[in-house]
Amino acid sequence: MQKTNRRFKGRMTSNYDLLLLAAPHYVDCQQKIGEILKTYFSTRKAGRIEILEMGCGNGHTSEVILKADERIYLTAVDNEPEMIKQAKRRLEGYIKKERIKIVKSDALKYVKESKAEKFDAFVTALTIHNFKFDYRRKFIKETCRLLKPGGIFINMDRYAQDNEKVFKKGLDWQIGMYKKVFSRLGKEDLIEKWLEHEDHDSRPDVIMKEGAAVSDMKKSGFKNIKFVYRKKTYSILTARKQ
């Protein structure tokens, strides 16, 4: 099985929170994820809500998920040890209350080995766009298998608009922000790292274009697929399991 690359390590890992300065729209998108979850489960009668988060990173999205509804119990998965350490520090209170389980694993390996129809929701942020095409398609299919009927899929990510001019405009803005923010902080090495990251994301075998992504979701068994929020370079896509 192809393994996911450990794309966040070293300087990028220890300075990951600085991304909030170079991509200030990140916070708004995170808040939107919480609003979507809160609304989705607001009419649900009392009961435990099981959610899977893939690529939990330093736990920022995990915290948003857990705050959305006190009935939520989260399984958060990541493949980077240092990011998991950061997540455990951030989420210590939730860990003590046993509302979150953090797992170190390859993404595809985890979903393949998990029980079908186990989760009420799947949430991820800035993770799936890192995968290569074939890996991503297999992952999406397995994710659908893990959701209960009617379960919700939420992904906040770097979807590339099919309109190349619009995509390039957003990409140029983001690159400009990396240079502006990290230069001001005296962290020129991070500029190089993030530009390498952008180059990887734009590779023909990696880039996650909107139209192709929606098509793959449909083939995997999802319905009601739509982009519900966009800000700068980020978009939020939601879907339901049929």
Protein backbone atom coordinates (compact mmCIF):
# COMPACT_ATOMS: atom_id res chain seq x y z
CA MET A 1 0.00 0.00 0.00
CA GLN A 2 1.27 3.48 -0.83
CA LYS A 3 1.90 5.41 2.36
CA THR A 4 1.17 9.08 2.80
CA ASN A 5 4.19 11.32 2.95
CA ARG A 6 5.04 12.94 6.27
CA ARG A 7 4.70 16.41 4.81
CA PHE A 8 4.79 18.32 8.09
CA LYS A 9 7.99 17.73 9.99
CA GLY A 10 10.97 19.68 11.23
CA ARG A 11 10.64 23.47 10.99
CA MET A 12 7.18 23.32 9.39
CA THR A 13 5.86 21.28 12.31
CA SER A 14 7.35 23.39 15.09
CA ASN A 15 6.16 26.59 13.39
CA TYR A 16 2.81 25.36 12.08
CA ASP A 17 0.78 27.89 14.07
CA LEU A 18 2.45 30.66 12.05
CA LEU A 19 0.30 29.51 9.13
CA LEU A 20 -2.52 31.42 10.82
CA LEU A 21 -0.64 34.64 10.05
CA ALA A 22 0.04 33.76 6.42
CA ALA A 23 -3.47 32.36 5.91
CA PRO A 24 -5.74 34.41 8.23
CA HIS A 25 -8.84 32.99 6.55
CA TYR A 26 -8.00 29.65 8.20
CA VAL A 27 -9.71 30.72 11.43
CA ASP A 28 -12.96 31.72 9.70
CA CYS A 29 -13.06 28.38 7.88
CA GLN A 30 -12.48 26.50 11.14
CA GLN A 31 -15.35 28.37 12.77
CA LYS A 32 -17.58 27.46 9.83
CA ILE A 33 -16.83 23.76 10.38
CA GLY A 34 -18.05 24.12 13.96
CA GLU A 35 -21.23 25.87 12.80
CA ILE A 36 -21.97 23.14 10.26
CA LEU A 37 -21.59 20.40 12.88
CA LYS A 38 -23.65 22.28 15.45
CA THR A 39 -26.50 22.81 12.99
CA TYR A 40 -26.36 19.26 11.64
CA PHE A 41 -26.67 17.61 15.06
CA SER A 42 -28.99 20.22 16.65
CA THR A 43 -32.14 18.22 15.89
CA ARG A 44 -30.65 14.89 16.88
CA LYS A 45 -32.05 13.37 20.06
CA ALA A 46 -29.72 12.71 22.97
CA GLY A 47 -27.02 10.15 22.29
CA ARG A 48 -23.34 9.70 21.65
CA ILE A 49 -22.05 11.20 18.40
CA GLU A 50 -19.04 9.44 16.89
CA ILE A 51 -16.82 11.51 14.58
CA LEU A 52 -13.65 10.62 12.69
CA GLU A 53 -11.12 13.34 11.95
CA MET A 54 -8.28 12.60 9.55
CA GLY A 55 -5.09 14.64 9.74
CA CYS A 56 -5.69 16.22 13.13
CA GLY A 57 -2.32 18.03 13.08
CA ASN A 58 -1.85 20.17 16.18
CA GLY A 59 -5.46 19.68 17.28
CA HIS A 60 -6.91 23.02 16.19
CA THR A 61 -9.73 21.49 14.16
CA SER A 62 -10.21 18.77 16.78
CA GLU A 63 -10.98 21.44 19.36
CA VAL A 64 -13.50 23.10 17.05
CA ILE A 65 -15.22 19.75 16.49
CA LEU A 66 -15.42 18.91 20.19
CA LYS A 67 -16.83 22.33 21.09
CA ALA A 68 -19.63 21.99 18.52
CA ASP A 69 -21.64 19.54 20.65
CA GLU A 70 -20.91 18.06 24.08
CA ARG A 71 -22.17 14.67 22.88
CA ILE A 72 -19.34 14.38 20.33
CA TYR A 73 -16.67 11.72 20.83
CA LEU A 74 -13.79 12.10 18.44
CA THR A 75 -11.27 9.72 16.92
CA ALA A 76 -8.43 11.88 15.56
CA VAL A 77 -5.78 10.38 13.27
CA ASP A 78 -2.42 11.72 12.10
CA ASN A 79 0.87 10.25 10.87
CA GLU A 80 3.25 12.87 12.25
CA PRO A 81 4.51 12.22 15.83
CA GLU A 82 5.42 15.85 16.59
CA MET A 83 2.01 17.11 15.49
CA ILE A 84 0.36 14.48 17.67
CA LYS A 85 2.40 15.71 20.64
CA GLN A 86 1.12 19.23 20.03
CA ALA A 87 -2.46 17.95 19.72
CA LYS A 88 -2.22 16.07 23.00
CA ARG A 89 -1.04 19.23 24.78
CA ARG A 90 -3.82 21.32 23.27
CA LEU A 91 -6.52 18.73 23.96
CA GLU A 92 -5.40 17.50 27.37
CA GLY A 93 -8.72 18.34 29.01
CA TYR A 94 -10.74 16.44 26.42
CA ILE A 95 -8.38 13.46 26.69
CA LYS A 96 -8.94 13.31 30.46
CA LYS A 97 -12.70 13.34 29.88
CA GLU A 98 -12.21 10.51 27.32
CA ARG A 99 -13.97 12.51 24.61
CA ILE A 100 -11.08 12.10 22.17
CA LYS A 101 -8.80 9.27 21.10
CA ILE A 102 -5.70 10.29 19.13
CA VAL A 103 -4.24 7.64 16.82
CA LYS A 104 -0.95 7.58 14.91
CA SER A 105 -1.57 5.89 11.57
CA ASP A 106 -1.38 6.16 7.82
CA ALA A 107 -4.70 7.57 6.62
CA LEU A 108 -5.68 4.89 4.11
CA LYS A 109 -4.49 2.07 6.36
CA TYR A 110 -6.67 3.35 9.19
CA VAL A 111 -9.90 3.66 7.20
CA LYS A 112 -9.38 0.31 5.49
CA GLU A 113 -9.00 -1.46 8.82
CA SER A 114 -11.97 0.26 10.49
CA LYS A 115 -15.46 -1.13 10.90
CA ALA A 116 -18.13 -0.14 8.38
CA GLU A 117 -20.85 2.36 9.35
CA LYS A 118 -19.06 3.28 12.58
CA PHE A 119 -19.13 7.09 12.42
CA ASP A 120 -21.85 9.73 12.31
CA ALA A 121 -19.55 12.25 10.66
CA PHE A 122 -16.17 12.57 8.98
CA VAL A 123 -14.29 15.86 9.27
CA THR A 124 -10.92 16.89 7.92
CA ALA A 125 -9.04 20.10 7.20
CA LEU A 126 -6.13 20.70 4.82
CA THR A 127 -5.32 17.00 4.57
CA ILE A 128 -6.86 15.29 1.54
CA HIS A 129 -5.28 17.68 -0.99
CA ASN A 130 -1.88 16.26 0.03
CA PHE A 131 -2.76 12.80 -1.29
CA LYS A 132 -1.96 11.53 -4.78
CA PHE A 133 -4.92 10.78 -7.07
CA ASP A 134 -5.10 7.01 -6.68
CA TYR A 135 -4.56 7.15 -2.95
CA ARG A 136 -7.19 9.89 -2.59
CA ARG A 137 -9.82 7.97 -4.54
CA LYS A 138 -9.31 4.85 -2.43
CA PHE A 139 -9.42 6.94 0.72
CA ILE A 140 -12.68 8.69 -0.22
CA LYS A 141 -14.34 5.36 -1.03
CA GLU A 142 -13.30 3.88 2.32
CA THR A 143 -14.45 7.01 4.13
CA CYS A 144 -17.92 6.58 2.69
CA ARG A 145 -17.95 2.97 3.87
CA LEU A 146 -17.19 4.06 7.45
CA LEU A 147 -20.08 6.53 7.66
CA LYS A 148 -23.50 5.52 8.90
CA PRO A 149 -26.34 6.01 6.37
CA GLY A 150 -27.08 9.73 6.20
CA GLY A 151 -23.73 10.53 7.82
CA ILE A 152 -22.09 13.84 6.95
CA PHE A 153 -18.72 14.40 5.26
CA ILE A 154 -17.04 17.78 5.85
CA ASN A 155 -13.76 18.78 4.26
CA MET A 156 -12.11 22.19 4.49
CA ASP A 157 -9.32 22.08 1.95
CA ARG A 158 -7.31 23.48 -0.93
CA TYR A 159 -9.65 22.65 -3.80
CA ALA A 160 -8.29 24.03 -7.06
CA GLN A 161 -10.96 25.88 -9.03
CA ASP A 162 -11.52 24.50 -12.52
CA ASN A 163 -11.16 28.08 -13.75
CA GLU A 164 -7.36 28.26 -13.94
CA LYS A 165 -7.25 32.06 -13.82
CA VAL A 166 -9.19 32.12 -10.57
CA PHE A 167 -7.01 29.35 -9.14
CA LYS A 168 -3.79 31.14 -10.11
CA LYS A 169 -4.98 34.41 -8.60
CA GLY A 170 -5.60 32.72 -5.27
CA LEU A 171 -2.30 30.84 -5.40
CA ASP A 172 -0.34 34.00 -6.20
CA TRP A 173 -2.00 35.76 -3.26
CA GLN A 174 -1.08 32.92 -0.88
CA ILE A 175 2.54 32.83 -2.06
CA GLY A 176 2.72 36.57 -1.56
CA MET A 177 1.46 36.17 2.01
CA TYR A 178 4.11 33.53 2.79
CA LYS A 179 6.83 35.90 1.61
CA LYS A 180 5.41 38.95 3.39
CA VAL A 181 4.69 37.33 6.76
CA PHE A 182 7.68 35.03 7.11
CA SER A 183 10.13 37.70 5.90
CA ARG A 184 8.79 40.10 8.52
CA LEU A 185 9.31 37.41 11.18
CA GLY A 186 12.84 36.66 9.98
CA LYS A 187 11.88 33.10 9.01
CA GLU A 188 12.95 33.02 5.38
CA ASP A 189 13.53 29.27 5.63
CA LEU A 190 9.76 28.82 6.05
CA ILE A 191 9.15 30.65 2.78
CA GLU A 192 11.17 28.00 0.96
CA LYS A 193 9.39 25.17 2.78
CA TRP A 194 5.91 26.48 2.01
CA LEU A 195 6.76 27.20 -1.62
CA GLU A 196 7.95 23.60 -1.94
CA HIS A 197 4.65 22.55 -0.41
CA GLU A 198 2.69 24.60 -2.95
CA ASP A 199 4.72 23.10 -5.81
CA HIS A 200 3.85 19.62 -4.60
CA ASP A 201 0.14 20.46 -4.30
CA SER A 202 0.09 21.72 -7.89
CA ARG A 203 1.67 18.61 -9.39
CA PRO A 204 -0.50 16.89 -12.05
CA ASP A 205 -0.67 13.67 -9.99
CA VAL A 206 -1.68 15.53 -6.81
CA ILE A 207 -3.70 18.68 -7.54
CA MET A 208 -7.29 18.35 -6.27
CA LYS A 209 -9.53 20.06 -8.81
CA GLU A 210 -13.11 20.80 -7.84
CA GLY A 211 -14.86 19.02 -10.71
CA ALA A 212 -12.81 15.84 -10.40
CA ALA A 213 -13.23 15.83 -6.62
CA VAL A 214 -17.02 16.03 -6.86
CA SER A 215 -17.06 13.28 -9.50
CA ASP A 216 -15.00 10.98 -7.27
CA MET A 217 -17.32 11.67 -4.34
CA LYS A 218 -20.35 10.65 -6.40
CA LYS A 219 -18.68 7.46 -7.57
CA SER A 220 -17.85 6.59 -3.97
CA GLY A 221 -21.49 6.73 -2.88
CA PHE A 222 -21.95 10.29 -1.62
CA LYS A 223 -24.90 12.56 -2.44
CA ASN A 224 -25.82 16.22 -1.86
CA ILE A 225 -22.24 17.19 -2.63
CA LYS A 226 -21.72 20.92 -2.52
CA PHE A 227 -19.30 23.68 -1.69
CA VAL A 228 -20.91 25.53 1.19
CA TYR A 229 -18.21 28.08 1.99
CA ARG A 230 -15.24 29.69 0.26
CA LYS A 231 -12.67 32.14 1.51
CA LYS A 232 -9.44 33.00 -0.29
CA THR A 233 -7.65 29.71 -1.07
CA TYR A 234 -9.85 27.48 1.10
CA SER A 235 -13.21 25.85 0.41
CA ILE A 236 -15.53 23.70 2.51
CA LEU A 237 -17.24 20.77 0.80
CA THR A 238 -20.01 18.80 2.45
CA ALA A 239 -21.75 15.59 1.39
CA ARG A 240 -24.02 12.87 2.75
CA LYS A 241 -23.74 9.12 2.57
CA GLN A 242 -26.61 7.64 0.61
